[in-house]
Amino acid sequence: MQLTPGDHAMTTKTAPANAPSDALLLEIAAKHFPSIETLETQNSDRLDFHDVAVWAIRAALEDAHEAGRIAGAKVMLAAATAAR
């Protein structure tokens, strides 16, 4: 990918079709990091970078993993039900 002036590689968002919803990601982030109001780039170091504990990051990742596991189980259940 070639960047032109004004492009920001870190702010490019390409989500896979089965990606979690932005609302779910924000819900998980808000639960673990109350000072984060949005997951959108705000082009401000003060707003885009946060000092967080590693255990808080771990807990947020565990919640995201569990949400993915549940979503996958629902898809598998729906596929199994539809195959009947």
PDB file of N, CA and C in Angstrom:
ATOM      1  N   MET A   1       0.850  -1.172   0.000  1.00  0.00           N
ATOM      2  CA  MET A   1       0.000   0.000   0.000  1.00  0.00           C
ATOM      3  C   MET A   1       0.891   1.228   0.000  1.00  0.00           C
ATOM      4  N   GLN A   2       0.628   2.155  -0.879  1.00  0.00           N
ATOM      5  CA  GLN A   2       1.389   3.390  -0.944  1.00  0.00           C
ATOM      6  C   GLN A   2       0.557   4.518  -0.344  1.00  0.00           C
ATOM      7  N   LEU A   3       1.176   5.248   0.571  1.00  0.00           N
ATOM      8  CA  LEU A   3       0.487   6.346   1.229  1.00  0.00           C
ATOM      9  C   LEU A   3       0.751   7.649   0.506  1.00  0.00           C
ATOM     10  N   THR A   4      -0.253   8.464   0.445  1.00  0.00           N
ATOM     11  CA  THR A   4      -0.113   9.804  -0.106  1.00  0.00           C
ATOM     12  C   THR A   4      -0.169  10.782   1.053  1.00  0.00           C
ATOM     13  N   PRO A   5       0.267  12.014   0.871  1.00  0.00           N
ATOM     14  CA  PRO A   5       0.209  12.974   1.978  1.00  0.00           C
ATOM     15  C   PRO A   5      -1.194  13.038   2.573  1.00  0.00           C
ATOM     16  N   GLY A   6      -1.248  12.966   3.879  1.00  0.00           N
ATOM     17  CA  GLY A   6      -2.537  13.011   4.571  1.00  0.00           C
ATOM     18  C   GLY A   6      -3.092  11.643   4.918  1.00  0.00           C
ATOM     19  N   ASP A   7      -2.547  10.580   4.291  1.00  0.00           N
ATOM     20  CA  ASP A   7      -2.995   9.226   4.622  1.00  0.00           C
ATOM     21  C   ASP A   7      -2.340   8.775   5.914  1.00  0.00           C
ATOM     22  N   HIS A   8      -3.034   7.942   6.647  1.00  0.00           N
ATOM     23  CA  HIS A   8      -2.507   7.393   7.889  1.00  0.00           C
ATOM     24  C   HIS A   8      -2.739   5.891   7.864  1.00  0.00           C
ATOM     25  N   ALA A   9      -1.667   5.120   7.767  1.00  0.00           N
ATOM     26  CA  ALA A   9      -1.772   3.669   7.682  1.00  0.00           C
ATOM     27  C   ALA A   9      -2.478   3.088   8.899  1.00  0.00           C
ATOM     28  N   MET A  10      -2.262   3.641  10.073  1.00  0.00           N
ATOM     29  CA  MET A  10      -2.835   3.097  11.299  1.00  0.00           C
ATOM     30  C   MET A  10      -4.332   3.359  11.409  1.00  0.00           C
ATOM     31  N   THR A  11      -4.859   4.300  10.666  1.00  0.00           N
ATOM     32  CA  THR A  11      -6.278   4.608  10.787  1.00  0.00           C
ATOM     33  C   THR A  11      -7.118   3.938   9.709  1.00  0.00           C
ATOM     34  N   THR A  12      -6.473   3.214   8.792  1.00  0.00           N
ATOM     35  CA  THR A  12      -7.215   2.514   7.757  1.00  0.00           C
ATOM     36  C   THR A  12      -7.949   1.351   8.389  1.00  0.00           C
ATOM     37  N   LYS A  13      -9.241   1.254   8.131  1.00  0.00           N
ATOM     38  CA  LYS A  13     -10.053   0.219   8.763  1.00  0.00           C
ATOM     39  C   LYS A  13     -10.625  -0.693   7.692  1.00  0.00           C
ATOM     40  N   THR A  14     -10.202  -1.939   7.720  1.00  0.00           N
ATOM     41  CA  THR A  14     -10.757  -2.945   6.835  1.00  0.00           C
ATOM     42  C   THR A  14     -11.130  -4.130   7.719  1.00  0.00           C
ATOM     43  N   ALA A  15     -12.403  -4.318   7.941  1.00  0.00           N
ATOM     44  CA  ALA A  15     -12.857  -5.377   8.825  1.00  0.00           C
ATOM     45  C   ALA A  15     -13.356  -6.562   8.011  1.00  0.00           C
ATOM     46  N   PRO A  16     -13.010  -7.772   8.437  1.00  0.00           N
ATOM     47  CA  PRO A  16     -13.557  -8.946   7.760  1.00  0.00           C
ATOM     48  C   PRO A  16     -15.068  -9.010   7.931  1.00  0.00           C
ATOM     49  N   ALA A  17     -15.722  -9.731   7.062  1.00  0.00           N
ATOM     50  CA  ALA A  17     -17.183  -9.805   7.067  1.00  0.00           C
ATOM     51  C   ALA A  17     -17.726 -10.309   8.399  1.00  0.00           C
ATOM     52  N   ASN A  18     -16.990 -11.177   9.078  1.00  0.00           N
ATOM     53  CA  ASN A  18     -17.477 -11.742  10.336  1.00  0.00           C
ATOM     54  C   ASN A  18     -16.876 -11.044  11.554  1.00  0.00           C
ATOM     55  N   ALA A  19     -16.394  -9.818  11.387  1.00  0.00           N
ATOM     56  CA  ALA A  19     -15.792  -9.057  12.484  1.00  0.00           C
ATOM     57  C   ALA A  19     -16.861  -8.655  13.499  1.00  0.00           C
ATOM     58  N   PRO A  20     -16.456  -8.515  14.756  1.00  0.00           N
ATOM     59  CA  PRO A  20     -17.426  -8.080  15.768  1.00  0.00           C
ATOM     60  C   PRO A  20     -17.896  -6.663  15.477  1.00  0.00           C
ATOM     61  N   SER A  21     -19.079  -6.347  15.946  1.00  0.00           N
ATOM     62  CA  SER A  21     -19.625  -5.012  15.705  1.00  0.00           C
ATOM     63  C   SER A  21     -18.837  -3.970  16.490  1.00  0.00           C
ATOM     64  N   ASP A  22     -18.822  -2.751  15.968  1.00  0.00           N
ATOM     65  CA  ASP A  22     -18.167  -1.659  16.670  1.00  0.00           C
ATOM     66  C   ASP A  22     -18.795  -1.458  18.041  1.00  0.00           C
ATOM     67  N   ALA A  23     -20.097  -1.651  18.135  1.00  0.00           N
ATOM     68  CA  ALA A  23     -20.795  -1.468  19.414  1.00  0.00           C
ATOM     69  C   ALA A  23     -20.294  -2.471  20.453  1.00  0.00           C
ATOM     70  N   LEU A  24     -20.089  -3.723  20.044  1.00  0.00           N
ATOM     71  CA  LEU A  24     -19.595  -4.738  20.973  1.00  0.00           C
ATOM     72  C   LEU A  24     -18.177  -4.399  21.425  1.00  0.00           C
ATOM     73  N   LEU A  25     -17.324  -3.992  20.486  1.00  0.00           N
ATOM     74  CA  LEU A  25     -15.955  -3.631  20.841  1.00  0.00           C
ATOM     75  C   LEU A  25     -15.932  -2.445  21.799  1.00  0.00           C
ATOM     76  N   LEU A  26     -16.773  -1.444  21.537  1.00  0.00           N
ATOM     77  CA  LEU A  26     -16.830  -0.285  22.422  1.00  0.00           C
ATOM     78  C   LEU A  26     -17.366  -0.675  23.796  1.00  0.00           C
ATOM     79  N   GLU A  27     -18.328  -1.574  23.835  1.00  0.00           N
ATOM     80  CA  GLU A  27     -18.864  -2.043  25.120  1.00  0.00           C
ATOM     81  C   GLU A  27     -17.768  -2.712  25.950  1.00  0.00           C
ATOM     82  N   ILE A  28     -16.975  -3.559  25.325  1.00  0.00           N
ATOM     83  CA  ILE A  28     -15.888  -4.227  26.030  1.00  0.00           C
ATOM     84  C   ILE A  28     -14.842  -3.203  26.482  1.00  0.00           C
ATOM     85  N   ALA A  29     -14.484  -2.280  25.598  1.00  0.00           N
ATOM     86  CA  ALA A  29     -13.500  -1.248  25.950  1.00  0.00           C
ATOM     87  C   ALA A  29     -14.002  -0.387  27.106  1.00  0.00           C
ATOM     88  N   ALA A  30     -15.254   0.019  27.054  1.00  0.00           N
ATOM     89  CA  ALA A  30     -15.816   0.876  28.103  1.00  0.00           C
ATOM     90  C   ALA A  30     -15.851   0.167  29.452  1.00  0.00           C
ATOM     91  N   LYS A  31     -16.100  -1.128  29.430  1.00  0.00           N
ATOM     92  CA  LYS A  31     -16.133  -1.909  30.671  1.00  0.00           C
ATOM     93  C   LYS A  31     -14.764  -1.921  31.342  1.00  0.00           C
ATOM     94  N   HIS A  32     -13.718  -2.066  30.550  1.00  0.00           N
ATOM     95  CA  HIS A  32     -12.374  -2.213  31.101  1.00  0.00           C
ATOM     96  C   HIS A  32     -11.582  -0.914  31.169  1.00  0.00           C
ATOM     97  N   PHE A  33     -11.939   0.045  30.329  1.00  0.00           N
ATOM     98  CA  PHE A  33     -11.213   1.306  30.263  1.00  0.00           C
ATOM     99  C   PHE A  33     -12.211   2.464  30.259  1.00  0.00           C
ATOM    100  N   PRO A  34     -12.767   2.813  31.421  1.00  0.00           N
ATOM    101  CA  PRO A  34     -13.835   3.819  31.497  1.00  0.00           C
ATOM    102  C   PRO A  34     -13.467   5.182  30.910  1.00  0.00           C
ATOM    103  N   SER A  35     -12.185   5.512  30.848  1.00  0.00           N
ATOM    104  CA  SER A  35     -11.798   6.827  30.318  1.00  0.00           C
ATOM    105  C   SER A  35     -11.829   6.876  28.795  1.00  0.00           C
ATOM    106  N   ILE A  36     -11.969   5.728  28.137  1.00  0.00           N
ATOM    107  CA  ILE A  36     -12.017   5.694  26.679  1.00  0.00           C
ATOM    108  C   ILE A  36     -13.466   5.858  26.236  1.00  0.00           C
ATOM    109  N   GLU A  37     -13.735   6.936  25.520  1.00  0.00           N
ATOM    110  CA  GLU A  37     -15.104   7.240  25.091  1.00  0.00           C
ATOM    111  C   GLU A  37     -15.415   6.737  23.693  1.00  0.00           C
ATOM    112  N   THR A  38     -14.379   6.541  22.878  1.00  0.00           N
ATOM    113  CA  THR A  38     -14.583   6.090  21.507  1.00  0.00           C
ATOM    114  C   THR A  38     -13.383   5.260  21.074  1.00  0.00           C
ATOM    115  N   LEU A  39     -13.585   4.403  20.095  1.00  0.00           N
ATOM    116  CA  LEU A  39     -12.484   3.645  19.518  1.00  0.00           C
ATOM    117  C   LEU A  39     -12.074   4.223  18.164  1.00  0.00           C
ATOM    118  N   GLU A  40     -12.640   5.362  17.824  1.00  0.00           N
ATOM    119  CA  GLU A  40     -12.289   6.045  16.588  1.00  0.00           C
ATOM    120  C   GLU A  40     -11.036   6.896  16.819  1.00  0.00           C
ATOM    121  N   THR A  41     -10.216   7.021  15.797  1.00  0.00           N
ATOM    122  CA  THR A  41      -9.042   7.879  15.866  1.00  0.00           C
ATOM    123  C   THR A  41      -9.499   9.321  16.000  1.00  0.00           C
ATOM    124  N   GLN A  42      -8.916  10.024  16.971  1.00  0.00           N
ATOM    125  CA  GLN A  42      -9.285  11.420  17.199  1.00  0.00           C
ATOM    126  C   GLN A  42      -8.152  12.377  16.838  1.00  0.00           C
ATOM    127  N   ASN A  43      -7.037  11.834  16.355  1.00  0.00           N
ATOM    128  CA  ASN A  43      -5.879  12.634  15.946  1.00  0.00           C
ATOM    129  C   ASN A  43      -5.380  13.550  17.054  1.00  0.00           C
ATOM    130  N   SER A  44      -5.355  13.008  18.257  1.00  0.00           N
ATOM    131  CA  SER A  44      -4.850  13.732  19.420  1.00  0.00           C
ATOM    132  C   SER A  44      -4.167  12.714  20.324  1.00  0.00           C
ATOM    133  N   ASP A  45      -2.896  12.945  20.627  1.00  0.00           N
ATOM    134  CA  ASP A  45      -2.180  12.001  21.492  1.00  0.00           C
ATOM    135  C   ASP A  45      -2.914  11.805  22.812  1.00  0.00           C
ATOM    136  N   ARG A  46      -3.432  12.875  23.362  1.00  0.00           N
ATOM    137  CA  ARG A  46      -4.123  12.807  24.652  1.00  0.00           C
ATOM    138  C   ARG A  46      -5.358  11.902  24.586  1.00  0.00           C
ATOM    139  N   LEU A  47      -6.029  11.895  23.441  1.00  0.00           N
ATOM    140  CA  LEU A  47      -7.252  11.118  23.300  1.00  0.00           C
ATOM    141  C   LEU A  47      -7.026   9.739  22.676  1.00  0.00           C
ATOM    142  N   ASP A  48      -5.966   9.583  21.899  1.00  0.00           N
ATOM    143  CA  ASP A  48      -5.736   8.329  21.181  1.00  0.00           C
ATOM    144  C   ASP A  48      -4.818   7.350  21.912  1.00  0.00           C
ATOM    145  N   PHE A  49      -4.047   7.830  22.853  1.00  0.00           N
ATOM    146  CA  PHE A  49      -3.132   6.961  23.588  1.00  0.00           C
ATOM    147  C   PHE A  49      -3.488   6.982  25.068  1.00  0.00           C
ATOM    148  N   HIS A  50      -3.547   5.789  25.655  1.00  0.00           N
ATOM    149  CA  HIS A  50      -3.965   5.671  27.050  1.00  0.00           C
ATOM    150  C   HIS A  50      -2.969   4.821  27.819  1.00  0.00           C
ATOM    151  N   ASP A  51      -2.729   5.177  29.051  1.00  0.00           N
ATOM    152  CA  ASP A  51      -1.849   4.433  29.936  1.00  0.00           C
ATOM    153  C   ASP A  51      -2.717   3.427  30.686  1.00  0.00           C
ATOM    154  N   VAL A  52      -2.575   2.141  30.346  1.00  0.00           N
ATOM    155  CA  VAL A  52      -3.420   1.117  30.968  1.00  0.00           C
ATOM    156  C   VAL A  52      -2.567  -0.024  31.500  1.00  0.00           C
ATOM    157  N   ALA A  53      -3.069  -0.685  32.504  1.00  0.00           N
ATOM    158  CA  ALA A  53      -2.367  -1.815  33.103  1.00  0.00           C
ATOM    159  C   ALA A  53      -2.499  -3.056  32.225  1.00  0.00           C
ATOM    160  N   VAL A  54      -1.458  -3.874  32.236  1.00  0.00           N
ATOM    161  CA  VAL A  54      -1.478  -5.079  31.410  1.00  0.00           C
ATOM    162  C   VAL A  54      -2.602  -6.023  31.828  1.00  0.00           C
ATOM    163  N   TRP A  55      -2.935  -6.056  33.118  1.00  0.00           N
ATOM    164  CA  TRP A  55      -4.015  -6.950  33.552  1.00  0.00           C
ATOM    165  C   TRP A  55      -5.367  -6.471  33.035  1.00  0.00           C
ATOM    166  N   ALA A  56      -5.506  -5.165  32.831  1.00  0.00           N
ATOM    167  CA  ALA A  56      -6.750  -4.644  32.253  1.00  0.00           C
ATOM    168  C   ALA A  56      -6.837  -5.008  30.772  1.00  0.00           C
ATOM    169  N   ILE A  57      -5.702  -4.941  30.087  1.00  0.00           N
ATOM    170  CA  ILE A  57      -5.674  -5.350  28.679  1.00  0.00           C
ATOM    171  C   ILE A  57      -6.001  -6.831  28.572  1.00  0.00           C
ATOM    172  N   ARG A  58      -5.417  -7.637  29.448  1.00  0.00           N
ATOM    173  CA  ARG A  58      -5.677  -9.083  29.438  1.00  0.00           C
ATOM    174  C   ARG A  58      -7.166  -9.363  29.662  1.00  0.00           C
ATOM    175  N   ALA A  59      -7.765  -8.702  30.631  1.00  0.00           N
ATOM    176  CA  ALA A  59      -9.181  -8.913  30.926  1.00  0.00           C
ATOM    177  C   ALA A  59     -10.050  -8.523  29.735  1.00  0.00           C
ATOM    178  N   ALA A  60      -9.708  -7.423  29.079  1.00  0.00           N
ATOM    179  CA  ALA A  60     -10.472  -6.986  27.900  1.00  0.00           C
ATOM    180  C   ALA A  60     -10.319  -8.004  26.774  1.00  0.00           C
ATOM    181  N   LEU A  61      -9.117  -8.513  26.569  1.00  0.00           N
ATOM    182  CA  LEU A  61      -8.896  -9.524  25.526  1.00  0.00           C
ATOM    183  C   LEU A  61      -9.648 -10.816  25.845  1.00  0.00           C
ATOM    184  N   GLU A  62      -9.682 -11.191  27.116  1.00  0.00           N
ATOM    185  CA  GLU A  62     -10.441 -12.386  27.510  1.00  0.00           C
ATOM    186  C   GLU A  62     -11.930 -12.203  27.233  1.00  0.00           C
ATOM    187  N   ASP A  63     -12.459 -11.020  27.516  1.00  0.00           N
ATOM    188  CA  ASP A  63     -13.873 -10.742  27.226  1.00  0.00           C
ATOM    189  C   ASP A  63     -14.142 -10.777  25.725  1.00  0.00           C
ATOM    190  N   ALA A  64     -13.218 -10.215  24.947  1.00  0.00           N
ATOM    191  CA  ALA A  64     -13.386 -10.225  23.488  1.00  0.00           C
ATOM    192  C   ALA A  64     -13.319 -11.654  22.953  1.00  0.00           C
ATOM    193  N   HIS A  65     -12.420 -12.439  23.492  1.00  0.00           N
ATOM    194  CA  HIS A  65     -12.316 -13.847  23.074  1.00  0.00           C
ATOM    195  C   HIS A  65     -13.608 -14.596  23.402  1.00  0.00           C
ATOM    196  N   GLU A  66     -14.124 -14.378  24.587  1.00  0.00           N
ATOM    197  CA  GLU A  66     -15.369 -15.046  24.986  1.00  0.00           C
ATOM    198  C   GLU A  66     -16.532 -14.620  24.096  1.00  0.00           C
ATOM    199  N   ALA A  67     -16.586 -13.340  23.760  1.00  0.00           N
ATOM    200  CA  ALA A  67     -17.644 -12.862  22.860  1.00  0.00           C
ATOM    201  C   ALA A  67     -17.527 -13.546  21.502  1.00  0.00           C
ATOM    202  N   GLY A  68     -16.313 -13.726  21.017  1.00  0.00           N
ATOM    203  CA  GLY A  68     -16.103 -14.422  19.750  1.00  0.00           C
ATOM    204  C   GLY A  68     -16.476 -15.889  19.831  1.00  0.00           C
ATOM    205  N   ARG A  69     -16.150 -16.512  20.957  1.00  0.00           N
ATOM    206  CA  ARG A  69     -16.496 -17.922  21.155  1.00  0.00           C
ATOM    207  C   ARG A  69     -18.012 -18.102  21.152  1.00  0.00           C
ATOM    208  N   ILE A  70     -18.705 -17.220  21.824  1.00  0.00           N
ATOM    209  CA  ILE A  70     -20.171 -17.288  21.880  1.00  0.00           C
ATOM    210  C   ILE A  70     -20.767 -17.052  20.494  1.00  0.00           C
ATOM    211  N   ALA A  71     -20.239 -16.065  19.783  1.00  0.00           N
ATOM    212  CA  ALA A  71     -20.742 -15.776  18.429  1.00  0.00           C
ATOM    213  C   ALA A  71     -20.517 -16.980  17.516  1.00  0.00           C
ATOM    214  N   GLY A  72     -19.357 -17.617  17.622  1.00  0.00           N
ATOM    215  CA  GLY A  72     -19.064 -18.796  16.814  1.00  0.00           C
ATOM    216  C   GLY A  72     -19.989 -19.950  17.140  1.00  0.00           C
ATOM    217  N   ALA A  73     -20.280 -20.140  18.420  1.00  0.00           N
ATOM    218  CA  ALA A  73     -21.189 -21.209  18.831  1.00  0.00           C
ATOM    219  C   ALA A  73     -22.590 -20.964  18.282  1.00  0.00           C
ATOM    220  N   LYS A  74     -23.017 -19.706  18.265  1.00  0.00           N
ATOM    221  CA  LYS A  74     -24.337 -19.376  17.718  1.00  0.00           C
ATOM    222  C   LYS A  74     -24.396 -19.678  16.226  1.00  0.00           C
ATOM    223  N   VAL A  75     -23.310 -19.364  15.505  1.00  0.00           N
ATOM    224  CA  VAL A  75     -23.254 -19.646  14.071  1.00  0.00           C
ATOM    225  C   VAL A  75     -23.315 -21.147  13.834  1.00  0.00           C
ATOM    226  N   MET A  76     -22.549 -21.913  14.612  1.00  0.00           N
ATOM    227  CA  MET A  76     -22.530 -23.364  14.454  1.00  0.00           C
ATOM    228  C   MET A  76     -23.903 -23.963  14.773  1.00  0.00           C
ATOM    229  N   LEU A  77     -24.560 -23.462  15.805  1.00  0.00           N
ATOM    230  CA  LEU A  77     -25.891 -23.942  16.177  1.00  0.00           C
ATOM    231  C   LEU A  77     -26.899 -23.633  15.064  1.00  0.00           C
ATOM    232  N   ALA A  78     -26.827 -22.439  14.519  1.00  0.00           N
ATOM    233  CA  ALA A  78     -27.738 -22.056  13.430  1.00  0.00           C
ATOM    234  C   ALA A  78     -27.501 -22.924  12.209  1.00  0.00           C
ATOM    235  N   ALA A  79     -26.231 -23.218  11.896  1.00  0.00           N
ATOM    236  CA  ALA A  79     -25.926 -24.062  10.739  1.00  0.00           C
ATOM    237  C   ALA A  79     -26.415 -25.486  10.965  1.00  0.00           C
ATOM    238  N   ALA A  80     -26.241 -25.989  12.164  1.00  0.00           N
ATOM    239  CA  ALA A  80     -26.689 -27.340  12.473  1.00  0.00           C
ATOM    240  C   ALA A  80     -28.206 -27.440  12.423  1.00  0.00           C
ATOM    241  N   THR A  81     -28.877 -26.413  12.906  1.00  0.00           N
ATOM    242  CA  THR A  81     -30.339 -26.380  12.899  1.00  0.00           C
ATOM    243  C   THR A  81     -30.862 -26.291  11.459  1.00  0.00           C
ATOM    244  N   ALA A  82     -30.209 -25.484  10.637  1.00  0.00           N
ATOM    245  CA  ALA A  82     -30.630 -25.314   9.263  1.00  0.00           C
ATOM    246  C   ALA A  82     -30.401 -26.579   8.437  1.00  0.00           C
ATOM    247  N   ALA A  83     -29.425 -27.376   8.826  1.00  0.00           N
ATOM    248  CA  ALA A  83     -29.098 -28.592   8.078  1.00  0.00           C
ATOM    249  C   ALA A  83     -30.094 -29.716   8.330  1.00  0.00           C
ATOM    250  N   ARG A  84     -30.910 -29.562   9.327  1.00  0.00           N
ATOM    251  CA  ARG A  84     -31.873 -30.624   9.676  1.00  0.00           C
ATOM    252  C   ARG A  84     -32.995 -30.697   8.733  1.00  0.00           C
TER     253      ARG A  84
END
